Amino acid sequence: MLSYILASFILGIICAYLGFGRLAGVFALISKILAIIFLVFFVAGLINHLFL
């Protein structure tokens, strides 16, 4: 999942550099959503590991 976040972040930077602002915004939104999902799964995994 971290590789997907990094890939969308890099694609967003490339699109912003090339002048595709709307597409860069979409990639930024995708990377934000994936980062939140990753953090939720990470915290759930930590809690699961601590209590089981």
N, C-alpha and C. Protein backbone atom coordinates (compact mmCIF):
# COMPACT_ATOMS: atom_id res chain seq x y z
N MET A 1 0.82 -1.18 0.00
CA MET A 1 0.00 0.00 0.00
C MET A 1 0.87 1.25 0.00
N LEU A 2 1.98 1.19 0.68
CA LEU A 2 2.87 2.35 0.68
C LEU A 2 3.43 2.64 -0.71
N SER A 3 3.61 1.59 -1.50
CA SER A 3 4.11 1.81 -2.86
C SER A 3 3.07 2.53 -3.71
N TYR A 4 1.78 2.23 -3.48
CA TYR A 4 0.72 2.94 -4.21
C TYR A 4 0.67 4.40 -3.81
N ILE A 5 0.87 4.68 -2.52
CA ILE A 5 0.88 6.07 -2.05
C ILE A 5 2.04 6.82 -2.68
N LEU A 6 3.21 6.20 -2.67
CA LEU A 6 4.38 6.84 -3.24
C LEU A 6 4.23 7.05 -4.75
N ALA A 7 3.67 6.07 -5.44
CA ALA A 7 3.49 6.19 -6.89
C ALA A 7 2.52 7.31 -7.25
N SER A 8 1.41 7.40 -6.53
CA SER A 8 0.45 8.47 -6.83
C SER A 8 1.02 9.84 -6.46
N PHE A 9 1.83 9.89 -5.40
CA PHE A 9 2.47 11.15 -5.03
C PHE A 9 3.45 11.60 -6.11
N ILE A 10 4.24 10.68 -6.61
CA ILE A 10 5.21 11.02 -7.66
C ILE A 10 4.49 11.41 -8.95
N LEU A 11 3.43 10.68 -9.29
CA LEU A 11 2.66 11.05 -10.49
C LEU A 11 2.02 12.43 -10.33
N GLY A 12 1.57 12.75 -9.14
CA GLY A 12 1.02 14.08 -8.89
C GLY A 12 2.06 15.18 -9.06
N ILE A 13 3.26 14.93 -8.57
CA ILE A 13 4.33 15.91 -8.72
C ILE A 13 4.69 16.10 -10.19
N ILE A 14 4.76 15.00 -10.93
CA ILE A 14 5.09 15.09 -12.36
C ILE A 14 4.00 15.84 -13.12
N CYS A 15 2.74 15.54 -12.82
CA CYS A 15 1.63 16.23 -13.49
C CYS A 15 1.62 17.72 -13.15
N ALA A 16 1.91 18.05 -11.90
CA ALA A 16 1.96 19.46 -11.52
C ALA A 16 3.09 20.18 -12.24
N TYR A 17 4.22 19.50 -12.38
CA TYR A 17 5.37 20.10 -13.08
C TYR A 17 5.05 20.34 -14.55
N LEU A 18 4.30 19.40 -15.15
CA LEU A 18 3.98 19.52 -16.57
C LEU A 18 2.79 20.44 -16.83
N GLY A 19 2.12 20.89 -15.78
CA GLY A 19 1.04 21.85 -15.96
C GLY A 19 -0.36 21.27 -15.93
N PHE A 20 -0.49 20.02 -15.58
CA PHE A 20 -1.80 19.40 -15.48
C PHE A 20 -2.29 19.51 -14.03
N GLY A 21 -2.78 20.69 -13.68
CA GLY A 21 -3.13 20.98 -12.30
C GLY A 21 -4.29 20.14 -11.77
N ARG A 22 -5.31 19.96 -12.57
CA ARG A 22 -6.48 19.19 -12.12
C ARG A 22 -6.12 17.73 -11.92
N LEU A 23 -5.34 17.18 -12.82
CA LEU A 23 -4.90 15.79 -12.69
C LEU A 23 -3.97 15.62 -11.49
N ALA A 24 -3.13 16.62 -11.24
CA ALA A 24 -2.26 16.58 -10.07
C ALA A 24 -3.09 16.60 -8.79
N GLY A 25 -4.18 17.36 -8.78
CA GLY A 25 -5.07 17.38 -7.63
C GLY A 25 -5.74 16.05 -7.39
N VAL A 26 -6.10 15.37 -8.47
CA VAL A 26 -6.69 14.04 -8.35
C VAL A 26 -5.70 13.06 -7.75
N PHE A 27 -4.47 13.10 -8.22
CA PHE A 27 -3.44 12.21 -7.67
C PHE A 27 -3.14 12.55 -6.21
N ALA A 28 -3.18 13.82 -5.86
CA ALA A 28 -2.97 14.20 -4.45
C ALA A 28 -4.11 13.67 -3.59
N LEU A 29 -5.33 13.75 -4.09
CA LEU A 29 -6.47 13.22 -3.34
C LEU A 29 -6.38 11.71 -3.17
N ILE A 30 -5.97 11.03 -4.22
CA ILE A 30 -5.80 9.57 -4.14
C ILE A 30 -4.75 9.21 -3.11
N SER A 31 -3.63 9.92 -3.11
CA SER A 31 -2.58 9.60 -2.15
C SER A 31 -3.02 9.92 -0.72
N LYS A 32 -3.82 10.96 -0.51
CA LYS A 32 -4.35 11.26 0.83
C LYS A 32 -5.27 10.15 1.31
N ILE A 33 -6.17 9.71 0.45
CA ILE A 33 -7.12 8.65 0.82
C ILE A 33 -6.38 7.36 1.13
N LEU A 34 -5.42 7.01 0.30
CA LEU A 34 -4.64 5.79 0.54
C LEU A 34 -3.83 5.89 1.83
N ALA A 35 -3.31 7.08 2.13
CA ALA A 35 -2.54 7.25 3.36
C ALA A 35 -3.45 7.09 4.58
N ILE A 36 -4.66 7.60 4.52
CA ILE A 36 -5.60 7.44 5.64
C ILE A 36 -5.97 5.98 5.82
N ILE A 37 -6.24 5.29 4.72
CA ILE A 37 -6.56 3.86 4.80
C ILE A 37 -5.39 3.08 5.38
N PHE A 38 -4.17 3.41 4.94
CA PHE A 38 -2.99 2.75 5.48
C PHE A 38 -2.86 2.97 6.98
N LEU A 39 -3.06 4.20 7.42
CA LEU A 39 -2.94 4.49 8.85
C LEU A 39 -3.99 3.76 9.67
N VAL A 40 -5.21 3.64 9.14
CA VAL A 40 -6.26 2.91 9.85
C VAL A 40 -5.87 1.44 9.98
N PHE A 41 -5.42 0.83 8.90
CA PHE A 41 -5.00 -0.57 8.95
C PHE A 41 -3.78 -0.77 9.85
N PHE A 42 -2.87 0.19 9.84
CA PHE A 42 -1.67 0.09 10.66
C PHE A 42 -2.03 0.14 12.15
N VAL A 43 -2.88 1.08 12.52
CA VAL A 43 -3.29 1.20 13.92
C VAL A 43 -4.10 -0.03 14.33
N ALA A 44 -4.98 -0.52 13.46
CA ALA A 44 -5.76 -1.72 13.77
C ALA A 44 -4.84 -2.93 13.96
N GLY A 45 -3.81 -3.02 13.15
CA GLY A 45 -2.85 -4.11 13.28
C GLY A 45 -2.06 -4.02 14.58
N LEU A 46 -1.68 -2.80 14.96
CA LEU A 46 -0.97 -2.63 16.23
C LEU A 46 -1.85 -3.01 17.41
N ILE A 47 -3.10 -2.56 17.39
CA ILE A 47 -4.03 -2.89 18.48
C ILE A 47 -4.28 -4.39 18.52
N ASN A 48 -4.43 -4.99 17.36
CA ASN A 48 -4.66 -6.43 17.29
C ASN A 48 -3.44 -7.19 17.84
N HIS A 49 -2.27 -6.73 17.53
CA HIS A 49 -1.05 -7.39 17.98
C HIS A 49 -0.86 -7.24 19.50
N LEU A 50 -1.25 -6.11 20.04
CA LEU A 50 -1.06 -5.86 21.46
C LEU A 50 -2.01 -6.68 22.32
N PHE A 51 -3.24 -6.85 21.87
CA PHE A 51 -4.24 -7.48 22.70
C PHE A 51 -4.48 -8.96 22.40
N LEU A 52 -3.91 -9.48 21.34
CA LEU A 52 -4.12 -10.90 21.03
C LEU A 52 -2.84 -11.69 21.06
